[in-house]
Amino acid sequence: MQTITVSPKYQVVIPKIIRESLQIQPGQKIHVIEYNGRIELIPQRDIVELRGFVKGINTKLERESDRV
């Protein structure tokens, strides 16, 4: 587990090993979410990178007769 320090301006530095493993680039947007008392940082990805990430998902589901 990595430990970081919040600066007086409330800034943090993402450790190099994590930046490299998640391929985070300078200027990239990151979503910040508070979840169950913790902060989660989620890198925003380009839509092109998401192509095929749900490949094989079952899209057949039973629909109600009035929802065709």
C-alpha atoms as a PDB file:
ATOM      1  CA  MET A   1       0.000   0.000   0.000  1.00  0.00           C
ATOM      2  CA  GLN A   2       1.268   3.446  -0.940  1.00  0.00           C
ATOM      3  CA  THR A   3       0.944   6.432   1.378  1.00  0.00           C
ATOM      4  CA  ILE A   4       0.627   9.972   0.056  1.00  0.00           C
ATOM      5  CA  THR A   5       0.410  13.374   1.733  1.00  0.00           C
ATOM      6  CA  VAL A   6      -2.168  16.055   1.039  1.00  0.00           C
ATOM      7  CA  SER A   7      -0.492  19.421   0.402  1.00  0.00           C
ATOM      8  CA  PRO A   8      -1.711  22.711   1.933  1.00  0.00           C
ATOM      9  CA  LYS A   9      -3.516  23.289  -1.395  1.00  0.00           C
ATOM     10  CA  TYR A  10      -5.241  19.867  -1.046  1.00  0.00           C
ATOM     11  CA  GLN A  11      -3.158  18.395  -3.855  1.00  0.00           C
ATOM     12  CA  VAL A  12      -1.800  14.847  -3.969  1.00  0.00           C
ATOM     13  CA  VAL A  13       0.813  13.133  -6.119  1.00  0.00           C
ATOM     14  CA  ILE A  14      -0.074   9.731  -7.545  1.00  0.00           C
ATOM     15  CA  PRO A  15       2.951   7.465  -6.988  1.00  0.00           C
ATOM     16  CA  LYS A  16       4.951   6.617 -10.119  1.00  0.00           C
ATOM     17  CA  ILE A  17       4.357   2.861  -9.863  1.00  0.00           C
ATOM     18  CA  ILE A  18       0.578   3.431  -9.890  1.00  0.00           C
ATOM     19  CA  ARG A  19       0.729   6.021 -12.705  1.00  0.00           C
ATOM     20  CA  GLU A  20       2.690   3.576 -14.823  1.00  0.00           C
ATOM     21  CA  SER A  21       0.493   0.555 -14.107  1.00  0.00           C
ATOM     22  CA  LEU A  22      -2.690   2.527 -14.954  1.00  0.00           C
ATOM     23  CA  GLN A  23      -1.001   4.380 -17.836  1.00  0.00           C
ATOM     24  CA  ILE A  24      -2.028   7.778 -16.444  1.00  0.00           C
ATOM     25  CA  GLN A  25      -0.705  10.655 -18.569  1.00  0.00           C
ATOM     26  CA  PRO A  26      -0.213  14.349 -17.687  1.00  0.00           C
ATOM     27  CA  GLY A  27      -3.419  16.294 -18.292  1.00  0.00           C
ATOM     28  CA  GLN A  28      -5.596  13.180 -18.202  1.00  0.00           C
ATOM     29  CA  LYS A  29      -8.943  13.572 -16.428  1.00  0.00           C
ATOM     30  CA  ILE A  30      -9.664  11.445 -13.362  1.00  0.00           C
ATOM     31  CA  HIS A  31     -13.076  10.905 -11.764  1.00  0.00           C
ATOM     32  CA  VAL A  32     -13.139  11.345  -7.980  1.00  0.00           C
ATOM     33  CA  ILE A  33     -15.762   9.432  -6.020  1.00  0.00           C
ATOM     34  CA  GLU A  34     -16.444   9.221  -2.286  1.00  0.00           C
ATOM     35  CA  TYR A  35     -17.551   5.659  -1.549  1.00  0.00           C
ATOM     36  CA  ASN A  36     -18.104   4.074   1.875  1.00  0.00           C
ATOM     37  CA  GLY A  37     -15.879   6.614   3.620  1.00  0.00           C
ATOM     38  CA  ARG A  38     -13.000   6.430   1.154  1.00  0.00           C
ATOM     39  CA  ILE A  39     -11.863   8.352  -1.927  1.00  0.00           C
ATOM     40  CA  GLU A  40     -11.608   6.519  -5.238  1.00  0.00           C
ATOM     41  CA  LEU A  41      -9.777   7.929  -8.253  1.00  0.00           C
ATOM     42  CA  ILE A  42     -10.898   6.481 -11.579  1.00  0.00           C
ATOM     43  CA  PRO A  43      -8.981   7.397 -14.737  1.00  0.00           C
ATOM     44  CA  GLN A  44     -11.232   8.642 -17.526  1.00  0.00           C
ATOM     45  CA  ARG A  45     -10.586   6.630 -20.674  1.00  0.00           C
ATOM     46  CA  ASP A  46     -10.984   7.613 -24.297  1.00  0.00           C
ATOM     47  CA  ILE A  47     -14.054   6.015 -25.877  1.00  0.00           C
ATOM     48  CA  VAL A  48     -11.816   4.254 -28.416  1.00  0.00           C
ATOM     49  CA  GLU A  49     -10.081   2.378 -25.564  1.00  0.00           C
ATOM     50  CA  LEU A  50     -13.446   1.026 -24.384  1.00  0.00           C
ATOM     51  CA  ARG A  51     -14.280  -0.669 -27.674  1.00  0.00           C
ATOM     52  CA  GLY A  52     -15.005  -4.343 -27.078  1.00  0.00           C
ATOM     53  CA  PHE A  53     -14.727  -4.259 -23.277  1.00  0.00           C
ATOM     54  CA  VAL A  54     -18.152  -5.931 -22.922  1.00  0.00           C
ATOM     55  CA  LYS A  55     -17.551  -8.437 -25.675  1.00  0.00           C
ATOM     56  CA  GLY A  56     -19.590 -11.575 -25.118  1.00  0.00           C
ATOM     57  CA  ILE A  57     -22.165  -9.947 -22.852  1.00  0.00           C
ATOM     58  CA  ASN A  58     -25.586 -11.573 -23.044  1.00  0.00           C
ATOM     59  CA  THR A  59     -27.978  -8.980 -24.488  1.00  0.00           C
ATOM     60  CA  LYS A  60     -30.946 -11.321 -24.643  1.00  0.00           C
ATOM     61  CA  LEU A  61     -33.320 -10.626 -21.805  1.00  0.00           C
ATOM     62  CA  GLU A  62     -36.983 -11.180 -21.343  1.00  0.00           C
ATOM     63  CA  ARG A  63     -38.970  -8.020 -21.840  1.00  0.00           C
ATOM     64  CA  GLU A  64     -42.459  -7.251 -20.705  1.00  0.00           C
ATOM     65  CA  SER A  65     -45.010  -7.462 -23.528  1.00  0.00           C
ATOM     66  CA  ASP A  66     -45.580  -3.697 -23.523  1.00  0.00           C
ATOM     67  CA  ARG A  67     -41.801  -2.985 -23.756  1.00  0.00           C
ATOM     68  CA  VAL A  68     -40.948  -4.273 -27.207  1.00  0.00           C
END
